[in-house]
């Protein structure tokens, strides 16, 4: 049994999708970041960086924060979605790190300046929209030659996909990126993704191009 502390954000959805994919039992503990629940002392014991998601594995007693670390832990524990030999192993790590260092923070800045605070800084809007376009180009180029970012469907896709699911916030038209669109729709059709997307609360639906 896994205790999942999460909210309806791209980082939170990475882990709920993974838990659905591997079929582990888990209990959801919503952390409403809109009401600053991430600063609750009990949550800080689990996630000292005051960010969701975080987990507690009741089997081992281990707690983990940082979504990338959690995905690696669950992949190793389940033996799924992370090959453990040769190039395939490191391709997954490579693209997982790309998400953690690229689309995560950069698209997050687009959300901050373009979606929620438009008109506050023309420089910041232009800078982060340009970077979003660059990252989409990188992903498009990759998906022109492989079905999934690391070859087979993996935790790397689960990490990237929830950020692309906010393409409307990023002023992106997936019709301009046919390979991303093909990949995005294939992942959106997975039953585990459809369930994991709506944790901890149901949304209107997965955004579609």
N, C-alpha and C. Protein backbone atom coordinates (compact mmCIF):
# COMPACT_ATOMS: atom_id res chain seq x y z
N UNK A 1 0.86 -1.20 0.00
CA UNK A 1 0.00 0.00 0.00
C UNK A 1 0.88 1.24 0.00
N UNK A 2 0.54 2.18 -0.86
CA UNK A 2 1.25 3.45 -0.98
C UNK A 2 0.32 4.58 -0.54
N UNK A 3 0.80 5.44 0.33
CA UNK A 3 0.10 6.68 0.63
C UNK A 3 0.60 7.74 -0.34
N UNK A 4 -0.32 8.33 -1.10
CA UNK A 4 0.03 9.34 -2.10
C UNK A 4 -0.51 10.69 -1.65
N UNK A 5 0.40 11.62 -1.50
CA UNK A 5 0.06 13.01 -1.14
C UNK A 5 0.20 13.83 -2.41
N UNK A 6 -0.92 14.39 -2.88
CA UNK A 6 -0.89 14.96 -4.23
C UNK A 6 -1.96 16.01 -4.43
N UNK A 7 -1.89 16.65 -5.58
CA UNK A 7 -2.90 17.61 -6.02
C UNK A 7 -2.98 17.52 -7.54
N UNK A 8 -3.96 18.20 -8.13
CA UNK A 8 -4.21 18.09 -9.58
C UNK A 8 -3.27 18.99 -10.38
N UNK A 9 -2.01 18.60 -10.42
CA UNK A 9 -1.00 19.32 -11.18
C UNK A 9 -0.26 18.31 -12.06
N UNK A 10 0.49 18.79 -13.05
CA UNK A 10 1.26 17.83 -13.86
C UNK A 10 2.18 16.94 -13.05
N UNK A 11 2.88 17.50 -12.07
CA UNK A 11 3.77 16.67 -11.27
C UNK A 11 3.01 15.64 -10.45
N UNK A 12 1.88 16.04 -9.91
CA UNK A 12 1.08 15.09 -9.17
C UNK A 12 0.55 13.97 -10.05
N UNK A 13 0.13 14.32 -11.25
CA UNK A 13 -0.45 13.31 -12.14
C UNK A 13 0.57 12.29 -12.63
N UNK A 14 1.83 12.67 -12.68
CA UNK A 14 2.85 11.68 -13.05
C UNK A 14 2.73 10.44 -12.17
N UNK A 15 2.62 10.66 -10.87
CA UNK A 15 2.68 9.55 -9.92
C UNK A 15 1.35 8.80 -9.87
N UNK A 16 0.23 9.49 -9.92
CA UNK A 16 -1.05 8.77 -9.91
C UNK A 16 -1.21 7.94 -11.18
N UNK A 17 -0.72 8.43 -12.30
CA UNK A 17 -0.76 7.63 -13.53
C UNK A 17 0.11 6.39 -13.38
N UNK A 18 1.32 6.55 -12.84
CA UNK A 18 2.20 5.40 -12.64
C UNK A 18 1.57 4.38 -11.71
N UNK A 19 0.98 4.83 -10.62
CA UNK A 19 0.36 3.89 -9.68
C UNK A 19 -0.78 3.13 -10.34
N UNK A 20 -1.55 3.80 -11.20
CA UNK A 20 -2.60 3.10 -11.93
C UNK A 20 -2.01 2.12 -12.93
N UNK A 21 -0.93 2.51 -13.59
CA UNK A 21 -0.31 1.62 -14.59
C UNK A 21 0.23 0.34 -13.95
N UNK A 22 0.82 0.44 -12.78
CA UNK A 22 1.42 -0.75 -12.16
C UNK A 22 0.43 -1.50 -11.27
N UNK A 23 -0.72 -0.90 -11.02
CA UNK A 23 -1.76 -1.59 -10.28
C UNK A 23 -1.53 -1.72 -8.79
N UNK A 24 -0.68 -0.87 -8.23
CA UNK A 24 -0.47 -0.90 -6.78
C UNK A 24 -1.69 -0.30 -6.06
N UNK A 25 -2.01 -0.86 -4.90
CA UNK A 25 -3.01 -0.23 -4.04
C UNK A 25 -2.43 1.06 -3.48
N UNK A 26 -3.24 2.10 -3.48
CA UNK A 26 -2.77 3.36 -2.90
C UNK A 26 -3.93 4.14 -2.32
N UNK A 27 -3.61 4.92 -1.30
CA UNK A 27 -4.58 5.80 -0.66
C UNK A 27 -4.19 7.23 -0.94
N UNK A 28 -5.15 8.01 -1.39
CA UNK A 28 -4.90 9.39 -1.79
C UNK A 28 -5.12 10.33 -0.62
N UNK A 29 -4.16 11.22 -0.40
CA UNK A 29 -4.27 12.28 0.60
C UNK A 29 -4.15 13.60 -0.14
N UNK A 30 -5.27 14.27 -0.45
CA UNK A 30 -5.20 15.53 -1.18
C UNK A 30 -4.48 16.60 -0.36
N UNK A 31 -3.58 17.30 -1.04
CA UNK A 31 -2.87 18.44 -0.45
C UNK A 31 -3.25 19.65 -1.29
N UNK A 32 -4.19 20.43 -0.79
CA UNK A 32 -4.73 21.56 -1.56
C UNK A 32 -3.71 22.70 -1.55
N UNK A 33 -2.96 22.81 -2.62
CA UNK A 33 -1.92 23.84 -2.67
C UNK A 33 -2.51 25.24 -2.81
N UNK A 34 -3.76 25.31 -3.22
CA UNK A 34 -4.41 26.63 -3.29
C UNK A 34 -4.71 27.19 -1.90
N UNK A 35 -4.75 26.30 -0.92
CA UNK A 35 -4.99 26.71 0.47
C UNK A 35 -3.76 26.51 1.34
N UNK A 36 -2.59 26.41 0.70
CA UNK A 36 -1.29 26.33 1.41
C UNK A 36 -1.17 25.11 2.30
N UNK A 37 -1.88 24.03 1.97
CA UNK A 37 -1.77 22.83 2.79
C UNK A 37 -0.40 22.17 2.67
N UNK A 38 0.37 22.55 1.66
CA UNK A 38 1.72 22.00 1.51
C UNK A 38 2.67 22.49 2.60
N UNK A 39 2.25 23.47 3.37
CA UNK A 39 3.08 23.98 4.46
C UNK A 39 2.68 23.40 5.82
N UNK A 40 1.73 22.49 5.81
CA UNK A 40 1.32 21.84 7.06
C UNK A 40 2.51 21.07 7.64
N UNK A 41 2.78 21.20 8.92
CA UNK A 41 3.95 20.51 9.52
C UNK A 41 3.97 19.01 9.29
N UNK A 42 2.82 18.37 9.30
CA UNK A 42 2.78 16.92 9.08
C UNK A 42 3.23 16.58 7.66
N UNK A 43 2.81 17.40 6.69
CA UNK A 43 3.24 17.15 5.31
C UNK A 43 4.72 17.44 5.14
N UNK A 44 5.21 18.46 5.81
CA UNK A 44 6.63 18.80 5.70
C UNK A 44 7.53 17.70 6.25
N UNK A 45 7.01 16.88 7.13
CA UNK A 45 7.79 15.73 7.61
C UNK A 45 8.06 14.75 6.47
N UNK A 46 7.15 14.70 5.50
CA UNK A 46 7.28 13.80 4.37
C UNK A 46 7.96 14.49 3.19
N UNK A 47 7.59 15.74 2.98
CA UNK A 47 8.11 16.51 1.84
C UNK A 47 8.69 17.83 2.34
N UNK A 48 9.95 17.83 2.77
CA UNK A 48 10.53 19.04 3.35
C UNK A 48 10.67 20.20 2.38
N UNK A 49 10.54 19.94 1.08
CA UNK A 49 10.57 21.01 0.08
C UNK A 49 9.20 21.63 -0.14
N UNK A 50 8.23 21.25 0.68
CA UNK A 50 6.84 21.71 0.61
C UNK A 50 6.27 21.71 -0.81
N UNK A 51 6.49 20.59 -1.49
CA UNK A 51 5.94 20.41 -2.84
C UNK A 51 5.29 19.03 -2.93
N UNK A 52 4.22 18.97 -3.74
CA UNK A 52 3.64 17.67 -4.07
C UNK A 52 4.24 17.22 -5.38
N UNK A 53 4.23 15.90 -5.63
CA UNK A 53 3.70 14.81 -4.83
C UNK A 53 4.74 14.28 -3.86
N UNK A 54 4.26 13.47 -2.95
CA UNK A 54 5.12 12.70 -2.05
C UNK A 54 4.41 11.38 -1.78
N UNK A 55 5.19 10.39 -1.40
CA UNK A 55 4.60 9.10 -1.07
C UNK A 55 5.19 8.57 0.22
N UNK A 56 4.44 7.66 0.84
CA UNK A 56 4.95 6.80 1.91
C UNK A 56 4.61 5.37 1.52
N UNK A 57 5.64 4.54 1.46
CA UNK A 57 5.45 3.12 1.16
C UNK A 57 5.26 2.40 2.49
N UNK A 58 4.07 1.92 2.74
CA UNK A 58 3.79 1.27 4.02
C UNK A 58 4.56 -0.03 4.19
N UNK A 59 4.93 -0.67 3.07
CA UNK A 59 5.69 -1.91 3.17
C UNK A 59 7.08 -1.68 3.74
N UNK A 60 7.72 -0.64 3.26
CA UNK A 60 9.10 -0.38 3.68
C UNK A 60 9.22 0.72 4.72
N UNK A 61 8.17 1.53 4.85
CA UNK A 61 8.22 2.69 5.74
C UNK A 61 8.93 3.87 5.13
N UNK A 62 9.38 3.74 3.87
CA UNK A 62 10.12 4.82 3.22
C UNK A 62 9.19 5.91 2.72
N UNK A 63 9.60 7.16 2.92
CA UNK A 63 8.89 8.29 2.33
C UNK A 63 9.79 8.91 1.27
N UNK A 64 9.17 9.45 0.24
CA UNK A 64 9.91 10.07 -0.86
C UNK A 64 9.17 11.30 -1.34
N UNK A 65 9.93 12.34 -1.65
CA UNK A 65 9.37 13.47 -2.38
C UNK A 65 10.16 13.61 -3.68
N UNK A 66 9.74 14.53 -4.54
CA UNK A 66 10.26 14.75 -5.91
C UNK A 66 9.71 13.67 -6.86
N UNK A 67 8.93 14.14 -7.82
CA UNK A 67 8.19 13.22 -8.70
C UNK A 67 9.11 12.30 -9.49
N UNK A 68 10.26 12.80 -9.96
CA UNK A 68 11.17 11.94 -10.71
C UNK A 68 11.69 10.80 -9.87
N UNK A 69 12.07 11.11 -8.63
CA UNK A 69 12.56 10.07 -7.72
C UNK A 69 11.46 9.05 -7.42
N UNK A 70 10.24 9.53 -7.26
CA UNK A 70 9.13 8.62 -6.97
C UNK A 70 8.88 7.67 -8.15
N UNK A 71 8.94 8.21 -9.37
CA UNK A 71 8.75 7.35 -10.54
C UNK A 71 9.82 6.28 -10.62
N UNK A 72 11.07 6.64 -10.37
CA UNK A 72 12.15 5.66 -10.39
C UNK A 72 11.93 4.59 -9.31
N UNK A 73 11.53 5.02 -8.14
CA UNK A 73 11.30 4.08 -7.04
C UNK A 73 10.19 3.09 -7.39
N UNK A 74 9.07 3.61 -7.89
CA UNK A 74 7.94 2.73 -8.21
C UNK A 74 8.27 1.81 -9.38
N UNK A 75 9.05 2.31 -10.34
CA UNK A 75 9.45 1.47 -11.47
C UNK A 75 10.33 0.33 -11.00
N UNK A 76 11.27 0.64 -10.12
CA UNK A 76 12.15 -0.41 -9.60
C UNK A 76 11.38 -1.40 -8.73
N UNK A 77 10.49 -0.89 -7.91
CA UNK A 77 9.72 -1.75 -7.01
C UNK A 77 8.80 -2.69 -7.79
N UNK A 78 8.21 -2.19 -8.86
CA UNK A 78 7.27 -2.99 -9.64
C UNK A 78 7.95 -3.80 -10.74
N UNK A 79 9.15 -3.38 -11.13
CA UNK A 79 9.82 -4.03 -12.24
C UNK A 79 9.21 -3.70 -13.58
N UNK A 80 8.57 -2.53 -13.68
CA UNK A 80 7.87 -2.16 -14.92
C UNK A 80 8.22 -0.73 -15.34
N UNK A 81 8.19 -0.52 -16.64
CA UNK A 81 8.30 0.81 -17.26
C UNK A 81 9.67 1.46 -17.10
N UNK A 82 10.67 0.67 -16.71
CA UNK A 82 12.05 1.14 -16.69
C UNK A 82 12.98 -0.04 -16.94
N UNK A 83 13.38 -0.25 -18.18
CA UNK A 83 14.30 -1.36 -18.46
C UNK A 83 15.57 -1.21 -17.63
N UNK A 84 16.18 -2.32 -17.29
CA UNK A 84 17.34 -2.29 -16.40
C UNK A 84 18.64 -2.70 -17.06
N UNK A 85 18.65 -2.77 -18.38
CA UNK A 85 19.86 -3.17 -19.07
C UNK A 85 20.19 -2.23 -20.21
N UNK A 86 21.48 -1.99 -20.38
CA UNK A 86 22.01 -1.34 -21.57
C UNK A 86 21.45 0.03 -21.87
N UNK A 87 21.42 0.33 -23.17
CA UNK A 87 21.00 1.64 -23.64
C UNK A 87 19.57 1.96 -23.24
N UNK A 88 18.69 0.95 -23.26
CA UNK A 88 17.27 1.20 -22.96
C UNK A 88 17.09 1.82 -21.58
N UNK A 89 17.87 1.36 -20.61
CA UNK A 89 17.79 1.91 -19.25
C UNK A 89 18.12 3.39 -19.25
N UNK A 90 19.20 3.76 -19.92
CA UNK A 90 19.67 5.13 -19.84
C UNK A 90 18.89 6.06 -20.75
N UNK A 91 18.25 5.55 -21.79
CA UNK A 91 17.36 6.39 -22.58
C UNK A 91 16.18 6.86 -21.73
N UNK A 92 15.66 5.97 -20.90
CA UNK A 92 14.56 6.37 -20.01
C UNK A 92 15.04 7.44 -19.04
N UNK A 93 16.20 7.22 -18.42
CA UNK A 93 16.73 8.21 -17.48
C UNK A 93 16.99 9.54 -18.18
N UNK A 94 17.55 9.47 -19.37
CA UNK A 94 17.86 10.67 -20.14
C UNK A 94 16.63 11.54 -20.35
N UNK A 95 15.54 10.92 -20.82
CA UNK A 95 14.34 11.70 -21.11
C UNK A 95 13.57 12.08 -19.85
N UNK A 96 13.69 11.28 -18.80
CA UNK A 96 13.11 11.68 -17.52
C UNK A 96 13.82 12.92 -17.00
N UNK A 97 15.15 12.95 -17.09
CA UNK A 97 15.90 14.13 -16.65
C UNK A 97 15.61 15.34 -17.53
N UNK A 98 15.37 15.09 -18.82
CA UNK A 98 14.99 16.19 -19.72
C UNK A 98 13.70 16.85 -19.22
N UNK A 99 12.74 16.05 -18.82
CA UNK A 99 11.49 16.61 -18.32
C UNK A 99 11.72 17.38 -17.02
N UNK A 100 12.48 16.80 -16.12
CA UNK A 100 12.70 17.44 -14.82
C UNK A 100 13.43 18.78 -14.98
N UNK A 101 14.37 18.84 -15.93
CA UNK A 101 15.14 20.07 -16.10
C UNK A 101 14.62 21.01 -17.15
N UNK A 102 13.68 20.55 -18.01
CA UNK A 102 13.21 21.37 -19.11
C UNK A 102 11.73 21.68 -19.03
N UNK A 103 10.87 20.81 -19.58
CA UNK A 103 9.43 21.12 -19.58
C UNK A 103 8.85 21.42 -18.22
N UNK A 104 9.31 20.76 -17.16
CA UNK A 104 8.76 21.05 -15.84
C UNK A 104 8.91 22.50 -15.45
N UNK A 105 10.14 22.94 -15.20
CA UNK A 105 10.30 24.34 -14.76
C UNK A 105 9.98 25.38 -15.83
N UNK A 106 10.30 25.10 -17.09
CA UNK A 106 10.10 26.12 -18.13
C UNK A 106 8.62 26.29 -18.47
N UNK A 107 7.90 25.20 -18.65
CA UNK A 107 6.47 25.33 -18.92
C UNK A 107 5.74 25.85 -17.69
N UNK A 108 6.26 25.53 -16.52
CA UNK A 108 5.69 26.11 -15.31
C UNK A 108 5.79 27.63 -15.30
N UNK A 109 6.87 28.16 -15.83
CA UNK A 109 7.01 29.61 -15.93
C UNK A 109 6.04 30.20 -16.95
N UNK A 110 5.78 29.46 -18.02
CA UNK A 110 4.74 29.91 -18.98
C UNK A 110 3.41 30.00 -18.26
N UNK A 111 3.07 29.00 -17.48
CA UNK A 111 1.81 29.04 -16.75
C UNK A 111 1.76 30.26 -15.84
N UNK A 112 2.87 30.54 -15.15
CA UNK A 112 2.89 31.65 -14.20
C UNK A 112 2.72 33.00 -14.90
N UNK A 113 3.52 33.23 -15.93
CA UNK A 113 3.53 34.56 -16.55
C UNK A 113 2.46 34.75 -17.61
N UNK A 114 2.12 33.69 -18.34
CA UNK A 114 1.21 33.83 -19.48
C UNK A 114 -0.22 33.50 -19.09
N UNK A 115 -0.41 32.42 -18.33
CA UNK A 115 -1.76 32.00 -17.95
C UNK A 115 -2.31 32.83 -16.79
N UNK A 116 -1.51 32.98 -15.72
CA UNK A 116 -2.03 33.56 -14.49
C UNK A 116 -1.66 35.02 -14.27
N UNK A 117 -0.60 35.50 -14.89
CA UNK A 117 -0.18 36.89 -14.68
C UNK A 117 0.13 37.59 -16.00
N UNK A 118 -0.78 37.52 -16.97
CA UNK A 118 -0.49 38.15 -18.26
C UNK A 118 -0.36 39.67 -18.12
N UNK A 119 0.53 40.24 -18.90
CA UNK A 119 0.72 41.68 -18.90
C UNK A 119 1.63 42.21 -17.83
N UNK A 120 2.15 41.33 -16.96
CA UNK A 120 3.04 41.79 -15.89
C UNK A 120 4.48 41.97 -16.37
N UNK A 121 4.89 41.14 -17.34
CA UNK A 121 6.26 41.21 -17.83
C UNK A 121 6.31 40.69 -19.26
N UNK A 122 6.36 41.61 -20.21
CA UNK A 122 6.43 41.21 -21.62
C UNK A 122 7.70 40.40 -21.88
N UNK A 123 8.79 40.77 -21.20
CA UNK A 123 10.05 40.06 -21.38
C UNK A 123 9.91 38.60 -20.93
N UNK A 124 9.34 38.39 -19.75
CA UNK A 124 9.20 37.03 -19.23
C UNK A 124 8.26 36.21 -20.11
N UNK A 125 7.16 36.81 -20.56
CA UNK A 125 6.24 36.08 -21.42
C UNK A 125 6.95 35.62 -22.69
N UNK A 126 7.69 36.52 -23.32
CA UNK A 126 8.38 36.18 -24.57
C UNK A 126 9.45 35.14 -24.32
N UNK A 127 10.22 35.31 -23.25
CA UNK A 127 11.31 34.39 -22.95
C UNK A 127 10.80 32.97 -22.76
N UNK A 128 9.76 32.79 -21.95
CA UNK A 128 9.31 31.44 -21.63
C UNK A 128 8.45 30.84 -22.74
N UNK A 129 7.74 31.66 -23.49
CA UNK A 129 7.05 31.12 -24.66
C UNK A 129 8.04 30.65 -25.71
N UNK A 130 9.13 31.40 -25.90
CA UNK A 130 10.18 30.96 -26.83
C UNK A 130 10.78 29.63 -26.38
N UNK A 131 11.02 29.50 -25.09
CA UNK A 131 11.58 28.25 -24.58
C UNK A 131 10.58 27.11 -24.70
N UNK A 132 9.29 27.40 -24.50
CA UNK A 132 8.28 26.36 -24.69
C UNK A 132 8.28 25.87 -26.13
N UNK A 133 8.37 26.79 -27.07
CA UNK A 133 8.43 26.40 -28.48
C UNK A 133 9.66 25.54 -28.77
N UNK A 134 10.78 25.92 -28.18
CA UNK A 134 12.00 25.14 -28.39
C UNK A 134 11.86 23.72 -27.85
N UNK A 135 11.29 23.60 -26.64
CA UNK A 135 11.11 22.28 -26.04
C UNK A 135 10.13 21.43 -26.84
N UNK A 136 9.07 22.03 -27.33
CA UNK A 136 8.14 21.29 -28.18
C UNK A 136 8.84 20.81 -29.45
N UNK A 137 9.71 21.64 -30.00
CA UNK A 137 10.45 21.23 -31.19
C UNK A 137 11.35 20.03 -30.89
N UNK A 138 12.01 20.04 -29.73
CA UNK A 138 12.85 18.91 -29.33
C UNK A 138 12.02 17.64 -29.23
N UNK A 139 10.87 17.74 -28.59
CA UNK A 139 10.01 16.58 -28.42
C UNK A 139 9.46 16.10 -29.75
N UNK A 140 9.06 17.02 -30.60
CA UNK A 140 8.56 16.65 -31.92
C UNK A 140 9.62 15.91 -32.73
N UNK A 141 10.83 16.43 -32.72
CA UNK A 141 11.92 15.77 -33.46
C UNK A 141 12.15 14.35 -32.95
N UNK A 142 12.10 14.18 -31.65
CA UNK A 142 12.32 12.85 -31.08
C UNK A 142 11.20 11.89 -31.49
N UNK A 143 9.96 12.36 -31.40
CA UNK A 143 8.82 11.49 -31.66
C UNK A 143 8.59 11.24 -33.14
N UNK A 144 9.32 11.93 -33.98
CA UNK A 144 9.28 11.61 -35.42
C UNK A 144 9.98 10.29 -35.71
N UNK A 145 10.87 9.86 -34.81
CA UNK A 145 11.70 8.67 -35.09
C UNK A 145 11.45 7.52 -34.12
N UNK A 146 10.68 7.77 -33.04
CA UNK A 146 10.35 6.70 -32.08
C UNK A 146 8.88 6.81 -31.71
N UNK A 147 8.31 5.69 -31.28
CA UNK A 147 6.90 5.70 -30.89
C UNK A 147 6.69 6.42 -29.57
N UNK A 148 7.56 6.12 -28.61
CA UNK A 148 7.55 6.77 -27.31
C UNK A 148 8.94 7.35 -27.07
N UNK A 149 9.08 8.26 -26.12
CA UNK A 149 10.31 9.06 -26.06
C UNK A 149 11.57 8.23 -25.84
N UNK A 150 11.47 7.12 -25.12
CA UNK A 150 12.64 6.28 -24.88
C UNK A 150 12.57 4.99 -25.67
N UNK A 151 11.68 4.92 -26.64
CA UNK A 151 11.49 3.72 -27.44
C UNK A 151 10.17 3.06 -27.10
N UNK A 152 10.13 2.35 -25.98
CA UNK A 152 8.89 1.78 -25.46
C UNK A 152 8.27 2.73 -24.42
N UNK A 153 6.98 2.56 -24.19
CA UNK A 153 6.28 3.36 -23.18
C UNK A 153 6.94 3.16 -21.83
N UNK A 154 7.21 4.28 -21.13
CA UNK A 154 7.99 4.21 -19.89
C UNK A 154 7.62 5.35 -18.97
N UNK A 155 8.32 5.36 -17.82
CA UNK A 155 8.13 6.46 -16.88
C UNK A 155 8.53 7.81 -17.48
N UNK A 156 9.36 7.80 -18.50
CA UNK A 156 9.70 9.07 -19.15
C UNK A 156 8.48 9.68 -19.81
N UNK A 157 7.68 8.86 -20.48
CA UNK A 157 6.44 9.36 -21.08
C UNK A 157 5.47 9.83 -20.01
N UNK A 158 5.38 9.08 -18.92
CA UNK A 158 4.47 9.47 -17.84
C UNK A 158 4.87 10.79 -17.21
N UNK A 159 6.16 11.10 -17.23
CA UNK A 159 6.63 12.37 -16.68
C UNK A 159 6.34 13.53 -17.61
N UNK A 160 6.51 13.33 -18.91
CA UNK A 160 6.36 14.40 -19.88
C UNK A 160 4.89 14.68 -20.21
N UNK A 161 4.12 13.62 -20.37
CA UNK A 161 2.75 13.76 -20.88
C UNK A 161 1.88 14.73 -20.07
N UNK A 162 1.87 14.67 -18.72
CA UNK A 162 0.99 15.60 -18.00
C UNK A 162 1.31 17.06 -18.23
N UNK A 163 2.57 17.39 -18.54
CA UNK A 163 2.91 18.77 -18.86
C UNK A 163 2.39 19.17 -20.23
N UNK A 164 2.45 18.26 -21.18
CA UNK A 164 1.90 18.55 -22.51
C UNK A 164 0.38 18.63 -22.45
N UNK A 165 -0.21 17.97 -21.47
CA UNK A 165 -1.67 18.02 -21.32
C UNK A 165 -2.17 19.44 -21.01
N UNK A 166 -1.26 20.34 -20.68
CA UNK A 166 -1.64 21.73 -20.47
C UNK A 166 -1.21 22.60 -21.66
N UNK A 167 -1.26 22.00 -22.84
CA UNK A 167 -0.85 22.72 -24.04
C UNK A 167 -1.65 24.00 -24.26
N UNK A 168 -2.90 24.02 -23.84
CA UNK A 168 -3.71 25.23 -24.02
C UNK A 168 -3.18 26.37 -23.14
N UNK A 169 -2.75 26.06 -21.93
CA UNK A 169 -2.17 27.07 -21.06
C UNK A 169 -0.89 27.64 -21.68
N UNK A 170 -0.23 26.81 -22.49
CA UNK A 170 1.06 27.18 -23.08
C UNK A 170 0.91 27.81 -24.46
N UNK A 171 -0.36 28.03 -24.88
CA UNK A 171 -0.67 28.61 -26.19
C UNK A 171 -0.12 27.76 -27.33
N UNK A 172 -0.16 26.46 -27.14
CA UNK A 172 0.34 25.54 -28.15
C UNK A 172 -0.83 24.85 -28.85
N UNK A 173 -0.69 24.68 -30.16
CA UNK A 173 -1.66 23.94 -30.96
C UNK A 173 -0.99 22.62 -31.35
N UNK A 174 -1.48 21.52 -30.82
CA UNK A 174 -0.85 20.23 -31.11
C UNK A 174 -0.97 19.83 -32.57
N UNK A 175 -1.88 20.47 -33.30
CA UNK A 175 -1.96 20.20 -34.73
C UNK A 175 -0.71 20.69 -35.47
N UNK A 176 0.04 21.58 -34.83
CA UNK A 176 1.31 22.03 -35.41
C UNK A 176 2.44 21.04 -35.15
N UNK A 177 2.17 20.04 -34.32
CA UNK A 177 3.18 19.06 -33.94
C UNK A 177 2.59 17.66 -34.12
N UNK A 178 2.54 17.16 -35.35
CA UNK A 178 1.83 15.90 -35.61
C UNK A 178 2.37 14.70 -34.85
N UNK A 179 3.67 14.65 -34.62
CA UNK A 179 4.22 13.51 -33.90
C UNK A 179 3.87 13.58 -32.41
N UNK A 180 3.93 14.79 -31.83
CA UNK A 180 3.49 14.95 -30.44
C UNK A 180 2.01 14.62 -30.32
N UNK A 181 1.22 15.08 -31.27
CA UNK A 181 -0.22 14.82 -31.23
C UNK A 181 -0.50 13.32 -31.26
N UNK A 182 0.16 12.59 -32.14
CA UNK A 182 -0.02 11.14 -32.22
C UNK A 182 0.32 10.48 -30.88
N UNK A 183 1.47 10.85 -30.31
CA UNK A 183 1.93 10.32 -29.02
C UNK A 183 0.97 10.71 -27.90
N UNK A 184 0.56 11.96 -27.88
CA UNK A 184 -0.31 12.47 -26.82
C UNK A 184 -1.64 11.73 -26.82
N UNK A 185 -2.23 11.56 -27.98
CA UNK A 185 -3.53 10.90 -28.06
C UNK A 185 -3.43 9.42 -27.70
N UNK A 186 -2.32 8.76 -28.07
CA UNK A 186 -2.14 7.35 -27.72
C UNK A 186 -2.05 7.17 -26.21
N UNK A 187 -1.34 8.06 -25.54
CA UNK A 187 -1.22 7.97 -24.08
C UNK A 187 -2.54 8.34 -23.42
N UNK A 188 -3.22 9.35 -23.92
CA UNK A 188 -4.50 9.77 -23.34
C UNK A 188 -5.54 8.66 -23.41
N UNK A 189 -5.40 7.75 -24.35
CA UNK A 189 -6.37 6.66 -24.51
C UNK A 189 -6.13 5.51 -23.54
N UNK A 190 -5.01 5.50 -22.83
CA UNK A 190 -4.72 4.41 -21.91
C UNK A 190 -5.64 4.48 -20.69
N UNK A 191 -6.28 3.39 -20.31
CA UNK A 191 -7.19 3.42 -19.16
C UNK A 191 -6.53 3.93 -17.88
N UNK A 192 -5.27 3.54 -17.64
CA UNK A 192 -4.59 3.98 -16.42
C UNK A 192 -4.37 5.48 -16.42
N UNK A 193 -4.10 6.03 -17.58
CA UNK A 193 -3.92 7.49 -17.69
C UNK A 193 -5.24 8.20 -17.45
N UNK A 194 -6.30 7.66 -18.00
CA UNK A 194 -7.61 8.28 -17.81
C UNK A 194 -8.02 8.27 -16.34
N UNK A 195 -7.65 7.23 -15.60
CA UNK A 195 -7.95 7.18 -14.17
C UNK A 195 -7.00 8.07 -13.38
N UNK A 196 -5.71 7.96 -13.67
CA UNK A 196 -4.73 8.71 -12.91
C UNK A 196 -4.83 10.20 -13.09
N UNK A 197 -5.31 10.63 -14.25
CA UNK A 197 -5.45 12.06 -14.51
C UNK A 197 -6.43 12.71 -13.52
N UNK A 198 -7.40 11.97 -13.05
CA UNK A 198 -8.47 12.53 -12.22
C UNK A 198 -8.23 12.33 -10.72
N UNK A 199 -6.97 12.15 -10.35
CA UNK A 199 -6.58 12.06 -8.93
C UNK A 199 -5.91 13.37 -8.55
N UNK A 200 -6.29 13.98 -7.43
CA UNK A 200 -7.20 13.51 -6.39
C UNK A 200 -8.65 13.91 -6.59
N UNK A 201 -8.95 14.64 -7.66
CA UNK A 201 -10.34 15.05 -7.87
C UNK A 201 -10.62 15.05 -9.37
N UNK A 202 -11.88 14.79 -9.69
CA UNK A 202 -12.27 14.72 -11.09
C UNK A 202 -12.20 16.09 -11.74
N UNK A 203 -11.68 16.11 -12.96
CA UNK A 203 -11.63 17.33 -13.75
C UNK A 203 -12.68 17.23 -14.87
N UNK A 204 -12.78 18.26 -15.69
CA UNK A 204 -13.76 18.25 -16.77
C UNK A 204 -13.45 17.16 -17.79
N UNK A 205 -12.19 16.83 -17.95
CA UNK A 205 -11.79 15.82 -18.92
C UNK A 205 -10.39 16.13 -19.39
N UNK A 206 -9.75 15.13 -19.97
CA UNK A 206 -8.41 15.33 -20.50
C UNK A 206 -8.50 16.27 -21.71
N UNK A 207 -7.74 17.34 -21.72
CA UNK A 207 -7.76 18.23 -22.89
C UNK A 207 -7.30 17.50 -24.15
N UNK A 208 -8.03 17.69 -25.22
CA UNK A 208 -7.67 17.04 -26.48
C UNK A 208 -7.50 18.08 -27.59
N UNK A 209 -6.61 17.78 -28.54
CA UNK A 209 -6.40 18.74 -29.64
C UNK A 209 -7.68 18.99 -30.41
